[in-house]
Protein backbone atom coordinates (compact mmCIF):
# COMPACT_ATOMS: atom_id res chain seq x y z
CA UNK A 1 88.25 140.06 136.01
CA UNK A 2 89.95 138.75 138.40
CA UNK A 3 93.27 140.08 140.01
CA UNK A 4 95.24 136.90 140.62
CA UNK A 5 98.78 136.68 139.50
CA UNK A 6 100.46 133.66 138.86
CA UNK A 7 104.06 133.67 140.52
CA UNK A 8 106.85 131.76 138.75
CA UNK A 9 108.57 129.58 141.13
CA UNK A 10 112.16 129.99 141.76
CA UNK A 11 114.52 127.51 141.13
CA UNK A 12 116.71 126.46 144.15
CA UNK A 13 119.89 127.55 142.29
CA UNK A 14 118.25 130.96 141.57
CA UNK A 15 118.13 132.29 144.75
CA UNK A 16 121.38 134.02 145.90
CA UNK A 17 122.05 133.22 149.75
CA UNK A 18 122.91 136.27 151.87
CA UNK A 19 125.99 134.48 153.24
CA UNK A 20 128.15 131.25 153.17
CA UNK A 21 126.91 128.21 155.13
CA UNK A 22 128.63 128.95 158.38
CA UNK A 23 131.06 125.62 157.66
CA UNK A 24 132.08 126.58 154.17
CA UNK A 25 134.22 130.07 155.27
CA UNK A 26 134.59 132.93 157.59
CA UNK A 27 131.53 135.51 156.59
CA UNK A 28 133.03 138.87 155.99
CA UNK A 29 132.01 142.13 157.85
CA UNK A 30 128.75 142.90 155.51
CA UNK A 31 128.09 139.25 155.42
CA UNK A 32 127.66 138.96 159.23
CA UNK A 33 125.83 142.37 158.93
CA UNK A 34 123.35 141.28 156.99
CA UNK A 35 122.42 137.79 158.82
CA UNK A 36 122.84 139.14 162.31
CA UNK A 37 119.72 141.96 161.28
CA UNK A 38 117.62 138.79 160.00
CA UNK A 39 118.21 136.62 163.09
CA UNK A 40 118.08 139.86 165.40
CA UNK A 41 114.73 140.52 164.19
CA UNK A 42 113.49 137.02 164.74
CA UNK A 43 115.06 137.15 168.11
CA UNK A 44 111.78 138.48 169.70
CA UNK A 45 108.93 136.30 170.23
CA UNK A 46 106.08 138.37 168.78
CA UNK A 47 108.00 138.55 165.53
CA UNK A 48 108.99 134.93 165.43
CA UNK A 49 105.51 134.09 165.91
CA UNK A 50 104.16 136.67 163.29
CA UNK A 51 106.92 135.85 160.60
CA UNK A 52 105.61 131.75 161.58
CA UNK A 53 101.93 133.05 160.82
CA UNK A 54 102.82 135.12 157.64
CA UNK A 55 105.14 132.14 156.14
CA UNK A 56 102.55 129.04 157.31
CA UNK A 57 99.55 131.39 155.56
CA UNK A 58 97.62 129.81 152.98
CA UNK A 59 98.72 131.25 149.59
CA UNK A 60 102.09 132.19 151.23
CA UNK A 61 100.78 135.94 152.20
CA UNK A 62 98.60 136.78 155.33
CA UNK A 63 96.47 140.24 155.73
CA UNK A 64 97.33 141.94 158.81
CA UNK A 65 93.92 141.23 160.05
CA UNK A 66 94.42 137.50 160.04
CA UNK A 67 97.62 137.40 161.91
CA UNK A 68 97.14 140.20 164.44
CA UNK A 69 96.12 137.82 167.63
CA UNK A 70 99.66 137.36 168.93
CA UNK A 71 98.99 138.65 172.40
CA UNK A 72 99.69 142.43 171.67
CA UNK A 73 97.93 145.63 171.07
CA UNK A 74 97.77 146.56 166.89
CA UNK A 75 100.28 149.12 167.40
CA UNK A 76 102.98 146.82 168.59
CA UNK A 77 101.88 143.90 165.66
CA UNK A 78 102.36 146.89 163.21
CA UNK A 79 105.96 148.08 164.93
CA UNK A 80 107.13 144.37 164.98
CA UNK A 81 105.84 143.71 161.41
CA UNK A 82 107.86 147.28 160.72
CA UNK A 83 111.05 145.96 161.85
CA UNK A 84 110.54 142.51 160.23
CA UNK A 85 110.10 144.28 157.00
CA UNK A 86 113.41 146.69 157.78
CA UNK A 87 115.39 143.49 158.17
CA UNK A 88 114.26 142.17 154.63
CA UNK A 89 112.38 139.21 156.07
CA UNK A 90 108.48 140.74 154.94
CA UNK A 91 107.33 142.33 151.84
CA UNK A 92 103.97 143.89 151.89
CA UNK A 93 101.14 145.32 149.43
CA UNK A 94 98.18 147.76 150.57
CA UNK A 95 95.19 146.66 149.31
CA UNK A 96 92.13 148.76 150.07
CA UNK A 97 92.40 149.47 153.87
CA UNK A 98 94.15 146.00 154.65
CA UNK A 99 98.19 145.40 154.42
CA UNK A 100 98.99 141.86 153.15
CA UNK A 101 102.17 140.23 153.99
CA UNK A 102 104.91 138.06 152.79
CA UNK A 103 108.05 136.23 153.30
CA UNK A 104 110.38 136.20 150.54
CA UNK A 105 111.25 133.15 149.49
CA UNK A 106 114.81 133.94 148.50
CA UNK A 107 115.04 135.02 152.69
CA UNK A 108 113.65 131.40 153.57
CA UNK A 109 116.47 129.69 151.04
CA UNK A 110 119.39 131.84 152.06
CA UNK A 111 118.45 131.69 155.94
CA UNK A 112 118.29 127.97 155.28
CA UNK A 113 121.46 127.71 153.31
CA UNK A 114 123.30 129.82 155.73
CA UNK A 115 122.56 127.04 158.79
CA UNK A 116 122.40 123.71 156.28
CA UNK A 117 125.86 123.21 155.74
CA UNK A 118 126.81 123.63 159.54
CA UNK A 119 123.93 120.93 160.45
CA UNK A 120 125.55 118.59 157.67
CA UNK A 121 128.66 118.58 159.96
CA UNK A 122 127.12 118.21 163.34
């Protein structure tokens, strides 16, 4: 018996952005806090590599055992993954002794929407 779950695809309109596109209107203090937390977490090169490794991994999720080769020790990898989770960029699930990470689809959509408007006017 398989434990494979089929996840529904999100429609682009069904994803709530964290913040308005940068060129739409000024951000509120709360919106700026949410966006800055995400971008601050990605401001570290190791975190950005880990985030990219998870986002680009086959199946949309990655075991920590498959992404830990980023040039730092395992405890440091765990620290950076924790920071990415706290920023709302990753979610995780423990399966036996391993932890699997995935990028929340709404995160990529929200970050893309935040920057897309500014890119269109540039």
